Amino acid sequence: MELLKQRILSEGSVVNDQVLKVDALLNHQVDPELIMEMGREFARRFREERITRVITVESSGISVAFATALELGVPMVFARRKKSVTTDSDAYCERVPSFTKGIVTDIMVSKKFLNADDRVLFVDDIIANGDAAQGLVRIIRTAGAHLAGMGVVLEKTFQAGGAAIREQGIRLETLVKISSLSDQTIRFED
């Protein structure tokens, strides 16, 4: 997605050699037209997989997962990071560290919204170390659902998350791959 690359170059900023700030595109503000274009692209790539649910982790993946689910005509489910009064007590739960937040949290998915009959597409905003992704993969597998694949907007290929997902035999489709953030410069992988 050349448009996405151009937007990252113009609106993203390098925090350090490990962190790219894309809050103008994905993590704080979203451009609805760009988000819908990403959703159409993921739907195109996974349409043949007979997806029954799109799943993501709260919160930055929600907009792209929603757009993808809308294009595929299926429900979208997101793993919650915080319990509330209305959180279903009968839920799948995994403890995962957050690279950017520097904390460990639980992610939870109600058993009502994920089961063995599902063919799931996992969509997320960024994969770096892949800890949250691994946690959600474990939840999907515990539910007995079929993980048809994973779509990620940005993959930082210089971190291990994407490779770890692929090593498990999971199909991982990435819209943009970033090979380096060194010297305050965003470098894309071809």
Protein backbone atom coordinates (compact mmCIF):
# COMPACT_ATOMS: atom_id res chain seq x y z
CA MET A 1 0.00 0.00 0.00
CA GLU A 2 1.95 2.93 -1.34
CA LEU A 3 -0.56 5.44 0.09
CA LEU A 4 -0.01 4.05 3.59
CA LYS A 5 3.77 4.30 3.19
CA GLN A 6 3.46 7.94 2.13
CA ARG A 7 1.19 8.73 5.08
CA ILE A 8 3.62 7.06 7.49
CA LEU A 9 6.49 9.13 6.07
CA SER A 10 4.53 12.38 6.28
CA GLU A 11 2.65 11.85 9.57
CA GLY A 12 4.64 9.25 11.51
CA SER A 13 7.58 10.05 13.73
CA VAL A 14 10.45 7.95 15.00
CA VAL A 15 10.58 7.97 18.81
CA ASN A 16 13.70 5.81 18.95
CA ASP A 17 15.22 2.91 17.01
CA GLN A 18 12.44 0.59 18.29
CA VAL A 19 9.32 2.79 18.34
CA LEU A 20 7.42 4.50 15.51
CA LYS A 21 4.67 6.91 16.51
CA VAL A 22 1.68 6.69 14.17
CA ASP A 23 -0.95 8.27 16.39
CA ALA A 24 -2.16 10.52 13.55
CA LEU A 25 -3.09 7.39 11.54
CA LEU A 26 -3.88 4.48 13.86
CA ASN A 27 -3.35 4.96 17.56
CA HIS A 28 -5.17 8.15 18.48
CA GLN A 29 -6.70 9.70 15.40
CA VAL A 30 -7.92 7.65 12.44
CA ASP A 31 -8.56 8.65 8.86
CA PRO A 32 -11.81 6.81 7.99
CA GLU A 33 -11.07 6.62 4.25
CA LEU A 34 -7.58 5.21 4.85
CA ILE A 35 -8.92 2.74 7.45
CA MET A 36 -11.61 1.55 5.03
CA GLU A 37 -8.99 1.10 2.30
CA MET A 38 -6.95 -1.08 4.68
CA GLY A 39 -10.06 -3.08 5.55
CA ARG A 40 -10.82 -3.63 1.86
CA GLU A 41 -7.26 -4.83 1.29
CA PHE A 42 -7.36 -7.34 4.16
CA ALA A 43 -10.80 -8.55 3.02
CA ARG A 44 -9.44 -9.01 -0.52
CA ARG A 45 -6.47 -11.03 0.74
CA PHE A 46 -8.56 -13.30 3.00
CA ARG A 47 -11.92 -13.48 1.20
CA GLU A 48 -11.40 -17.12 0.11
CA GLU A 49 -10.89 -18.22 3.73
CA ARG A 50 -14.63 -18.19 4.61
CA ILE A 51 -14.04 -16.01 7.70
CA THR A 52 -16.83 -16.04 10.30
CA ARG A 53 -15.29 -13.50 12.71
CA VAL A 54 -12.60 -10.85 12.68
CA ILE A 55 -10.80 -10.49 16.00
CA THR A 56 -8.35 -7.95 17.40
CA VAL A 57 -6.88 -6.67 20.64
CA GLU A 58 -8.17 -3.49 22.28
CA SER A 59 -7.70 -0.71 21.25
CA SER A 60 -5.61 0.40 18.28
CA GLY A 61 -6.55 -2.55 16.08
CA ILE A 62 -10.29 -1.98 16.43
CA SER A 63 -10.78 0.49 13.57
CA VAL A 64 -8.97 -1.65 10.97
CA ALA A 65 -10.57 -4.86 12.25
CA PHE A 66 -13.99 -3.19 12.04
CA ALA A 67 -13.37 -2.07 8.45
CA THR A 68 -12.24 -5.58 7.53
CA ALA A 69 -15.25 -7.21 9.20
CA LEU A 70 -17.59 -4.79 7.43
CA GLU A 71 -16.06 -5.69 4.06
CA LEU A 72 -16.32 -9.41 4.83
CA GLY A 73 -19.85 -9.09 6.25
CA VAL A 74 -18.99 -10.78 9.57
CA PRO A 75 -18.92 -9.72 13.25
CA MET A 76 -15.83 -8.18 14.81
CA VAL A 77 -14.71 -9.16 18.31
CA PHE A 78 -12.03 -7.46 20.33
CA ALA A 79 -10.08 -8.82 23.26
CA ARG A 80 -10.57 -6.54 26.24
CA ARG A 81 -7.61 -5.42 28.31
CA LYS A 82 -9.53 -4.36 31.41
CA LYS A 83 -12.29 -5.98 33.38
CA SER A 84 -15.40 -3.94 33.99
CA VAL A 85 -18.69 -4.54 35.76
CA THR A 86 -20.14 -5.85 32.50
CA THR A 87 -17.20 -8.13 31.61
CA ASP A 88 -18.37 -11.70 31.10
CA SER A 89 -16.91 -13.92 33.84
CA ASP A 90 -16.88 -16.88 31.43
CA ALA A 91 -14.02 -15.70 29.24
CA TYR A 92 -10.78 -16.90 27.73
CA CYS A 93 -7.92 -15.01 29.34
CA GLU A 94 -4.19 -14.64 28.70
CA ARG A 95 -1.59 -12.51 30.45
CA VAL A 96 0.58 -10.53 27.99
CA PRO A 97 3.29 -7.90 28.24
CA SER A 98 2.90 -4.66 26.28
CA PHE A 99 6.10 -3.41 24.63
CA THR A 100 4.95 0.19 24.16
CA LYS A 101 3.11 0.51 27.48
CA GLY A 102 5.78 -1.27 29.52
CA ILE A 103 3.21 -3.24 31.54
CA VAL A 104 1.69 -6.71 31.72
CA THR A 105 -2.07 -6.97 31.21
CA ASP A 106 -4.72 -9.61 30.80
CA ILE A 107 -6.56 -9.88 27.50
CA MET A 108 -10.01 -11.46 27.61
CA VAL A 109 -12.54 -12.72 25.07
CA SER A 110 -15.99 -13.85 26.13
CA LYS A 111 -16.68 -17.49 25.33
CA LYS A 112 -19.99 -16.31 23.83
CA PHE A 113 -18.14 -14.63 20.97
CA LEU A 114 -15.51 -17.22 20.02
CA ASN A 115 -16.03 -20.95 19.55
CA ALA A 116 -14.87 -24.04 17.71
CA ASP A 117 -17.17 -23.35 14.74
CA ASP A 118 -15.39 -20.08 13.95
CA ARG A 119 -12.94 -19.37 11.15
CA VAL A 120 -11.11 -16.36 12.54
CA LEU A 121 -9.11 -13.58 10.93
CA PHE A 122 -6.93 -11.76 13.44
CA VAL A 123 -6.34 -8.12 12.39
CA ASP A 124 -4.06 -5.73 14.28
CA ASP A 125 -2.34 -2.40 13.86
CA ILE A 126 1.32 -3.19 14.58
CA ILE A 127 3.38 -6.27 15.26
CA ALA A 128 6.73 -5.72 16.96
CA ASN A 129 7.68 -8.31 19.58
CA GLY A 130 4.33 -10.05 19.12
CA ASP A 131 3.46 -10.67 22.77
CA ALA A 132 -0.17 -9.55 22.49
CA ALA A 133 -0.49 -11.42 19.18
CA GLN A 134 0.82 -14.62 20.79
CA GLY A 135 -1.66 -14.21 23.64
CA LEU A 136 -4.60 -13.83 21.28
CA VAL A 137 -3.40 -16.79 19.19
CA ARG A 138 -3.43 -18.90 22.38
CA ILE A 139 -6.99 -17.73 23.13
CA ILE A 140 -8.15 -18.61 19.60
CA ARG A 141 -6.58 -22.05 19.88
CA THR A 142 -8.01 -22.65 23.36
CA ALA A 143 -11.46 -21.86 21.95
CA GLY A 144 -10.88 -24.50 19.28
CA ALA A 145 -11.48 -21.94 16.53
CA HIS A 146 -9.63 -22.13 13.21
CA LEU A 147 -7.16 -19.25 12.80
CA ALA A 148 -7.31 -18.58 9.06
CA GLY A 149 -4.60 -15.95 9.29
CA MET A 150 -3.48 -12.61 10.59
CA GLY A 151 -3.48 -9.21 8.91
CA VAL A 152 -1.22 -6.48 10.28
CA VAL A 153 -1.04 -2.88 9.14
CA LEU A 154 2.63 -2.37 10.14
CA GLU A 155 5.20 -5.06 10.75
CA LYS A 156 8.52 -4.05 12.25
CA THR A 157 10.62 -6.81 10.66
CA PHE A 158 13.64 -5.94 12.80
CA GLN A 159 11.71 -7.24 15.82
CA ALA A 160 10.78 -10.91 16.28
CA GLY A 161 6.96 -10.83 16.41
CA GLY A 162 6.14 -11.44 12.74
CA ALA A 163 8.73 -14.17 12.35
CA ALA A 164 7.44 -15.93 15.49
CA ILE A 165 3.89 -15.91 14.08
CA ARG A 166 5.07 -17.29 10.73
CA GLU A 167 7.16 -19.99 12.46
CA GLN A 168 3.90 -21.37 13.89
CA GLY A 169 2.61 -21.85 10.36
CA ILE A 170 0.20 -18.92 10.62
CA ARG A 171 -0.43 -16.96 7.45
CA LEU A 172 0.61 -13.36 8.15
CA GLU A 173 -0.29 -10.65 5.64
CA THR A 174 1.29 -7.24 6.21
CA LEU A 175 0.38 -3.98 4.48
CA VAL A 176 3.69 -2.26 5.23
CA LYS A 177 6.96 -3.73 6.49
CA ILE A 178 9.46 -1.49 8.26
CA SER A 179 13.01 -2.81 8.27
CA SER A 180 14.64 -0.11 10.41
CA LEU A 181 14.05 3.03 12.44
CA SER A 182 17.73 3.73 13.08
CA ASP A 183 19.12 7.25 12.66
CA GLN A 184 15.57 8.63 13.04
CA THR A 185 14.80 7.33 9.55
CA ILE A 186 11.89 5.09 8.54
CA ARG A 187 13.12 2.40 6.15
CA PHE A 188 10.62 0.17 4.37
CA GLU A 189 11.23 -3.40 3.31
CA ASP A 190 10.35 -4.15 -0.30
